[in-house]
């Protein structure tokens, strides 16, 4: 059974492990190191960080942010062994519901350049590219 729940203080260790896996994966992708520079070094458990679980065991996490009216899935990660079974679908759906409940009328997220799996995942949820960010080290 797939479920989603807000993270709590008791989840700090599992959140840290999931996030470390997410960062390790992102570091090896085109654009990943630059993306990680824009994320906070540490994330605390709380009302903006959620866990996706299979049978009560956390295998994914998401962190959301809310601007004036636009929500953002700032981080979304699922363990490789738990991909393709619907955890990400349920987690993203729950994040959209929470953002809508908090007053957002739109949701954004990021897919790294060339990461077709992530791009296709978001497009399957009617999320399409609206901008391409370019960058150069000075």
Foldseek 3Di string as FASTA:
>chain_A
DKDKDAFDQVCQVVVVVQVVVVLVVLVPDVVSVVLVVPDDPDDGGDDQKMFIDDVPHGFKMWGKDDDPAEIERSDIGGHPVPPPPCSSVNRVVVNVVVSVVVRHPYYYYDDHPPNVVVQVVVVVVVDHDDDDDDDDDD
